[in-house]
N, C-alpha and C. Protein backbone atom coordinates (compact mmCIF):
# COMPACT_ATOMS: atom_id res chain seq x y z
N MET A 1 0.67 -1.08 -0.36
CA MET A 1 -0.18 -0.12 0.59
C MET A 1 0.91 1.11 0.57
N GLN A 2 1.88 1.41 -0.87
CA GLN A 2 3.19 2.77 -0.49
C GLN A 2 2.29 3.77 -1.23
N PHE A 3 1.17 3.99 -2.24
CA PHE A 3 0.63 4.90 -2.67
C PHE A 3 -0.75 5.34 -1.46
N LEU A 4 -0.73 5.04 -0.76
CA LEU A 4 -2.13 5.45 0.51
C LEU A 4 -1.37 6.44 0.76
N SER A 5 -2.83 7.22 0.64
CA SER A 5 -2.87 8.86 1.59
C SER A 5 -3.73 8.85 2.63
N ASN A 6 -4.69 8.12 2.66
CA ASN A 6 -5.89 9.19 3.78
C ASN A 6 -5.89 6.97 3.94
N LEU A 7 -5.97 7.31 5.52
CA LEU A 7 -6.39 5.65 6.32
C LEU A 7 -7.70 6.08 7.09
N ASN A 8 -8.17 5.74 7.22
CA ASN A 8 -9.33 5.73 8.88
C ASN A 8 -9.89 4.18 9.30
N VAL A 9 -9.11 4.15 10.46
CA VAL A 9 -9.21 2.85 11.25
C VAL A 9 -9.84 2.96 12.00
N ASN A 10 -11.71 2.03 12.40
CA ASN A 10 -12.43 2.20 13.29
C ASN A 10 -12.68 1.14 14.31
N ALA A 11 -12.53 1.22 15.42
CA ALA A 11 -13.15 0.12 16.67
C ALA A 11 -14.68 0.13 16.44
N SER A 12 -15.02 -1.05 16.78
CA SER A 12 -16.18 -1.94 17.08
C SER A 12 -17.07 -0.80 17.82
N ASP A 13 -16.06 -0.35 19.37
CA ASP A 13 -16.90 0.53 19.87
C ASP A 13 -16.13 1.25 20.56
N GLU A 14 -16.00 2.03 21.64
CA GLU A 14 -15.10 2.92 22.47
C GLU A 14 -13.95 2.19 23.34
N ASN A 15 -14.38 1.48 23.62
CA ASN A 15 -13.36 0.63 24.43
C ASN A 15 -12.31 -0.06 23.94
N GLU A 16 -12.53 -0.54 22.71
CA GLU A 16 -11.84 -1.29 22.14
C GLU A 16 -10.29 -0.60 21.67
N VAL A 17 -9.33 -1.22 21.78
CA VAL A 17 -8.02 -0.66 21.66
C VAL A 17 -7.28 -1.42 20.47
N LEU A 18 -6.96 -0.07 19.67
CA LEU A 18 -6.77 -0.57 17.99
C LEU A 18 -4.83 -0.40 18.35
N VAL A 19 -4.57 -1.87 17.92
CA VAL A 19 -3.73 -2.43 17.28
C VAL A 19 -2.69 -2.04 16.31
N LEU A 20 -1.83 -1.31 16.07
CA LEU A 20 -1.50 -1.02 14.36
C LEU A 20 0.28 -1.23 14.65
N ASN A 21 0.09 -1.98 13.81
CA ASN A 21 1.65 -2.37 13.34
C ASN A 21 2.47 -1.99 12.91
N ALA A 22 1.95 -1.55 11.87
CA ALA A 22 2.85 -0.40 10.66
C ALA A 22 1.62 0.43 10.08
N LEU A 23 2.44 1.66 9.33
CA LEU A 23 1.37 2.77 9.07
C LEU A 23 1.78 2.89 7.37
N PRO A 24 1.32 2.77 6.33
CA PRO A 24 2.09 3.43 5.01
C PRO A 24 3.22 4.77 5.02
N THR A 25 3.80 4.92 4.57
CA THR A 25 4.44 6.26 4.65
C THR A 25 4.32 7.08 4.03
N ASN A 26 3.44 6.86 3.09
CA ASN A 26 2.86 7.88 2.94
C ASN A 26 1.55 8.91 3.38
N LEU A 27 1.43 8.57 4.06
CA LEU A 27 0.09 8.66 4.85
C LEU A 27 -0.46 10.21 4.72
N GLN A 28 -0.84 11.05 4.61
CA GLN A 28 -1.43 12.56 4.71
C GLN A 28 -2.59 12.73 5.45
N LYS A 29 -3.34 11.65 5.34
CA LYS A 29 -4.41 12.05 6.19
C LYS A 29 -4.66 10.51 7.26
N LEU A 30 -5.10 10.75 8.65
CA LEU A 30 -4.86 9.74 9.23
C LEU A 30 -6.04 9.74 10.26
N SER A 31 -7.04 8.57 10.50
CA SER A 31 -8.40 8.80 11.23
C SER A 31 -8.04 7.81 12.41
N LEU A 32 -8.14 7.64 13.64
CA LEU A 32 -7.96 6.55 14.37
C LEU A 32 -9.34 6.69 15.25
N ASN A 33 -10.46 5.84 15.09
CA ASN A 33 -11.53 5.53 16.17
C ASN A 33 -11.47 4.41 16.85
N GLY A 34 -10.97 4.74 18.30
CA GLY A 34 -10.73 3.74 18.99
C GLY A 34 -9.85 4.58 20.01
N ARG A 35 -9.47 3.56 21.31
CA ARG A 35 -8.51 3.32 22.37
C ARG A 35 -7.15 3.38 21.15
N LEU A 36 -5.89 4.27 22.24
CA LEU A 36 -5.21 3.81 21.85
C LEU A 36 -3.84 3.01 23.43
N PRO A 37 -2.94 2.75 22.49
CA PRO A 37 -2.46 2.03 24.28
C PRO A 37 -2.10 2.90 24.88
N GLU A 38 -2.17 2.75 26.26
CA GLU A 38 -1.76 3.65 27.18
C GLU A 38 -0.63 4.35 26.97
N GLY A 39 -0.03 5.15 27.62
CA GLY A 39 1.14 6.75 27.37
C GLY A 39 0.92 7.11 26.17
N ALA A 40 1.85 8.47 26.33
CA ALA A 40 2.44 9.48 25.79
C ALA A 40 3.31 8.49 24.03
N SER A 41 3.55 7.47 24.23
CA SER A 41 5.21 7.05 23.70
C SER A 41 4.13 6.66 22.49
N TRP A 42 3.41 6.50 22.29
CA TRP A 42 2.37 6.53 21.42
C TRP A 42 2.81 7.07 19.78
N ALA A 43 2.83 8.29 20.12
CA ALA A 43 2.89 8.82 19.17
C ALA A 43 4.62 8.95 18.82
N LEU A 44 5.50 8.72 19.64
CA LEU A 44 6.75 8.78 19.32
C LEU A 44 7.21 7.70 18.71
N SER A 45 6.27 6.58 18.87
CA SER A 45 7.03 5.33 18.18
C SER A 45 6.84 5.34 16.89
N PRO A 46 8.42 4.37 16.65
CA PRO A 46 8.44 4.15 15.15
C PRO A 46 7.35 4.08 14.15
N LEU A 47 5.99 3.20 14.41
CA LEU A 47 4.58 3.92 14.23
C LEU A 47 4.54 5.00 13.28
N PHE A 48 4.77 6.33 14.26
CA PHE A 48 4.32 7.28 14.02
C PHE A 48 5.82 7.88 13.03
N GLN A 49 6.22 7.69 13.62
CA GLN A 49 7.95 8.23 13.07
C GLN A 49 7.87 8.11 11.37
N ALA A 50 7.46 6.64 11.03
CA ALA A 50 6.87 7.00 9.46
C ALA A 50 6.75 7.55 8.61
N VAL A 51 5.21 7.81 9.24
CA VAL A 51 4.69 9.02 8.96
C VAL A 51 4.78 10.79 9.03
N GLU A 52 5.59 11.01 10.02
CA GLU A 52 6.03 12.18 10.46
C GLU A 52 6.02 13.08 9.78
N GLN A 53 6.59 13.26 8.72
CA GLN A 53 7.07 13.98 7.33
C GLN A 53 5.55 14.13 6.76
N ASN A 54 5.29 12.97 6.48
CA ASN A 54 3.96 13.30 5.75
C ASN A 54 2.38 13.45 5.66
N LEU A 55 2.41 13.70 6.91
CA LEU A 55 1.04 13.26 7.82
C LEU A 55 0.90 15.01 8.17
N CYS A 56 -0.79 14.98 7.09
CA CYS A 56 -0.82 16.87 7.29
C CYS A 56 -2.53 17.00 8.08
N SER A 57 -2.97 15.82 8.73
CA SER A 57 -4.34 16.12 8.87
C SER A 57 -4.21 14.65 9.54
N LEU A 58 -4.49 14.73 11.16
CA LEU A 58 -5.03 13.53 12.17
C LEU A 58 -6.04 14.03 12.99
N HIS A 59 -7.18 12.60 12.62
CA HIS A 59 -8.10 12.42 14.16
C HIS A 59 -8.27 11.52 14.48
N LEU A 60 -8.51 11.85 15.69
CA LEU A 60 -8.59 10.74 17.26
C LEU A 60 -9.68 10.90 17.90
N SER A 61 -10.38 9.90 17.65
CA SER A 61 -11.75 9.93 18.51
C SER A 61 -11.59 8.28 19.17
N TRP A 62 -12.42 8.58 20.81
CA TRP A 62 -12.40 7.43 21.66
C TRP A 62 -10.98 7.24 22.32
N SER A 63 -9.61 8.62 22.12
CA SER A 63 -8.40 7.65 22.42
C SER A 63 -8.28 7.64 23.66
N HIS A 64 -8.99 8.76 24.32
CA HIS A 64 -9.22 8.47 25.57
C HIS A 64 -7.54 8.22 26.78
N LEU A 65 -6.67 9.19 26.31
CA LEU A 65 -5.72 9.45 26.51
C LEU A 65 -5.35 9.91 27.79
N ARG A 66 -4.57 9.60 29.17
CA ARG A 66 -4.29 10.14 30.36
C ARG A 66 -3.00 11.31 29.89
N GLU A 67 -2.30 11.26 29.09
CA GLU A 67 -1.79 12.03 29.08
C GLU A 67 -1.71 12.99 27.49
N ASP A 68 -1.41 14.29 28.20
CA ASP A 68 -1.29 15.57 27.22
C ASP A 68 -0.64 14.90 26.01
N PRO A 69 -1.12 14.78 24.63
CA PRO A 69 -0.61 14.11 23.27
C PRO A 69 0.14 15.32 22.57
N LEU A 70 0.00 16.62 23.13
CA LEU A 70 0.60 17.37 22.36
C LEU A 70 1.86 17.72 22.08
N PRO A 71 2.49 17.69 23.10
CA PRO A 71 4.17 17.52 23.02
C PRO A 71 4.38 16.49 22.43
N SER A 72 4.11 15.12 22.06
CA SER A 72 3.52 13.91 21.12
C SER A 72 4.01 14.43 19.55
N LEU A 73 1.91 15.14 19.97
CA LEU A 73 2.09 15.73 18.09
C LEU A 73 2.79 16.78 17.66
N SER A 74 2.69 17.33 18.56
CA SER A 74 3.62 18.83 18.10
C SER A 74 5.10 18.37 17.11
N ARG A 75 5.54 17.36 17.11
CA ARG A 75 6.40 16.46 15.75
C ARG A 75 6.25 16.61 14.74
N LEU A 76 5.01 16.57 14.31
CA LEU A 76 4.57 16.19 13.08
C LEU A 76 4.47 17.52 12.60
N ALA A 77 5.75 18.16 11.91
CA ALA A 77 5.80 19.20 11.60
C ALA A 77 5.00 19.75 10.34
N ASN A 78 4.38 18.90 9.61
CA ASN A 78 3.22 19.28 8.20
C ASN A 78 1.71 19.64 9.27
N LEU A 79 1.75 19.11 10.25
CA LEU A 79 0.61 18.72 10.45
C LEU A 79 -0.35 20.33 10.69
N MET A 80 -1.70 20.36 9.68
CA MET A 80 -1.89 21.20 9.14
C MET A 80 -3.71 21.25 10.00
N ASP A 81 -4.09 20.08 10.11
CA ASP A 81 -5.63 20.04 10.54
C ASP A 81 -5.64 19.11 11.60
N LEU A 82 -6.01 18.83 12.81
CA LEU A 82 -5.79 18.13 14.06
C LEU A 82 -7.47 18.03 14.86
N CYS A 83 -7.71 16.81 15.05
CA CYS A 83 -9.05 16.99 15.52
C CYS A 83 -9.09 16.16 16.77
N LEU A 84 -9.87 16.07 17.97
CA LEU A 84 -9.24 15.35 19.34
C LEU A 84 -11.03 15.35 19.85
N ASP A 85 -11.47 14.41 20.01
CA ASP A 85 -12.68 13.93 20.04
C ASP A 85 -12.58 12.53 21.31
N LYS A 86 -13.19 13.10 21.92
CA LYS A 86 -13.22 12.17 23.52
C LYS A 86 -10.91 11.73 23.41
N ALA A 87 -10.65 11.99 23.31
CA ALA A 87 -9.29 11.70 22.86
C ALA A 87 -8.13 11.93 24.20
N TYR A 88 -9.33 12.77 24.84
CA TYR A 88 -7.90 13.25 26.36
C TYR A 88 -8.59 13.27 27.33
N ASN A 89 -8.25 12.20 28.46
CA ASN A 89 -9.13 12.62 29.87
C ASN A 89 -8.52 13.31 30.63
N GLY A 90 -7.40 14.05 30.04
CA GLY A 90 -6.79 15.26 31.55
C GLY A 90 -7.52 16.07 31.48
N GLU A 91 -6.73 17.22 32.55
CA GLU A 91 -7.34 18.30 32.75
C GLU A 91 -7.11 19.86 32.08
N LYS A 92 -5.66 19.73 31.22
CA LYS A 92 -5.01 21.06 30.52
C LYS A 92 -3.85 20.12 29.60
N LEU A 93 -4.56 21.31 28.54
CA LEU A 93 -3.72 20.95 27.16
C LEU A 93 -2.93 22.38 27.23
N GLU A 94 -1.66 22.07 26.45
CA GLU A 94 -0.96 23.45 26.71
C GLU A 94 -0.32 23.12 25.57
N PHE A 95 -0.36 24.31 23.92
CA PHE A 95 0.36 24.70 22.87
C PHE A 95 1.09 25.20 23.29
N LEU A 96 2.66 25.57 23.11
CA LEU A 96 3.85 26.27 23.17
C LEU A 96 4.15 26.53 21.98
N THR A 97 4.60 27.74 21.91
CA THR A 97 5.67 28.55 20.42
C THR A 97 6.29 27.59 20.28
N GLY A 98 5.76 27.76 18.83
CA GLY A 98 6.75 26.43 17.60
C GLY A 98 6.26 25.50 17.10
N TRP A 99 5.29 25.25 18.40
CA TRP A 99 3.93 23.60 18.21
C TRP A 99 3.23 23.98 17.04
N PHE A 100 3.47 23.29 16.18
CA PHE A 100 2.40 23.13 14.70
C PHE A 100 2.56 24.46 13.63
N PRO A 101 3.13 24.26 13.46
CA PRO A 101 3.49 25.84 12.48
C PRO A 101 2.70 26.14 11.45
N LYS A 102 1.88 24.51 10.99
CA LYS A 102 1.34 25.61 9.81
C LYS A 102 -0.24 25.16 9.54
N PRO A 103 -0.72 25.32 11.06
CA PRO A 103 -1.93 25.46 11.56
C PRO A 103 -2.99 25.85 10.54
N LYS A 104 -4.11 24.93 10.15
CA LYS A 104 -5.17 25.23 9.46
C LYS A 104 -6.65 24.94 10.17
N SER A 105 -6.91 23.64 11.28
CA SER A 105 -7.72 23.44 11.79
C SER A 105 -7.33 22.93 13.06
N LEU A 106 -8.23 23.15 13.80
CA LEU A 106 -8.41 22.31 15.19
C LEU A 106 -9.87 22.40 15.61
N TYR A 107 -9.74 21.13 16.36
CA TYR A 107 -11.04 20.99 16.76
C TYR A 107 -11.33 20.02 17.90
N LEU A 108 -11.99 20.67 18.99
CA LEU A 108 -11.41 20.38 20.42
C LEU A 108 -12.76 19.73 21.04
N TRP A 109 -13.91 18.39 21.65
CA TRP A 109 -14.68 18.45 21.43
C TRP A 109 -15.21 16.87 22.62
N ASP A 110 -15.94 17.15 23.67
CA ASP A 110 -16.32 15.80 23.70
C ASP A 110 -15.13 15.22 25.26
N MET A 111 -14.44 16.36 25.84
CA MET A 111 -13.17 16.18 26.39
C MET A 111 -13.87 16.89 27.98
N PRO A 112 -14.40 16.28 28.87
CA PRO A 112 -15.04 16.49 30.14
C PRO A 112 -14.52 16.93 30.79
N ASN A 113 -13.40 16.46 31.30
CA ASN A 113 -12.46 16.39 32.58
C ASN A 113 -11.33 18.29 32.34
N LEU A 114 -11.40 18.30 30.76
CA LEU A 114 -10.44 19.74 30.51
C LEU A 114 -10.81 20.74 31.43
N LYS A 115 -9.80 21.51 31.85
CA LYS A 115 -10.34 22.52 32.58
C LYS A 115 -9.90 23.89 32.38
N SER A 116 -8.49 23.50 31.54
CA SER A 116 -7.80 24.52 30.74
C SER A 116 -7.15 24.46 29.42
N LEU A 117 -7.05 25.55 28.94
CA LEU A 117 -6.45 25.38 27.57
C LEU A 117 -5.21 26.45 27.30
N HIS A 118 -4.34 26.51 27.39
CA HIS A 118 -2.80 27.40 27.05
C HIS A 118 -2.52 27.39 26.19
């Protein structure tokens, strides 16, 4: 699947953990609807490093991450569109200067524990 540029992976329900062994390196758009393995290291794994240069759109739903995913996701230098829907269970999200240098759209919703956004 070397020419695949758009991938949408859906869990059967909100509690199913998505287990991905590889991603096509030419991916430009990725949508993951399901729980991700615990810990922030998933976005720093070789799995995501393979798509780091090409990925411009990322949609995470039902992930229920406990750690702020933004430090890891900020490594996606070409990311223009980011959507987090039930993706984070923490209380604070923080965007730092220099992160996401090409933003076009940001969608944050259904994160009932989120109390501050910086």
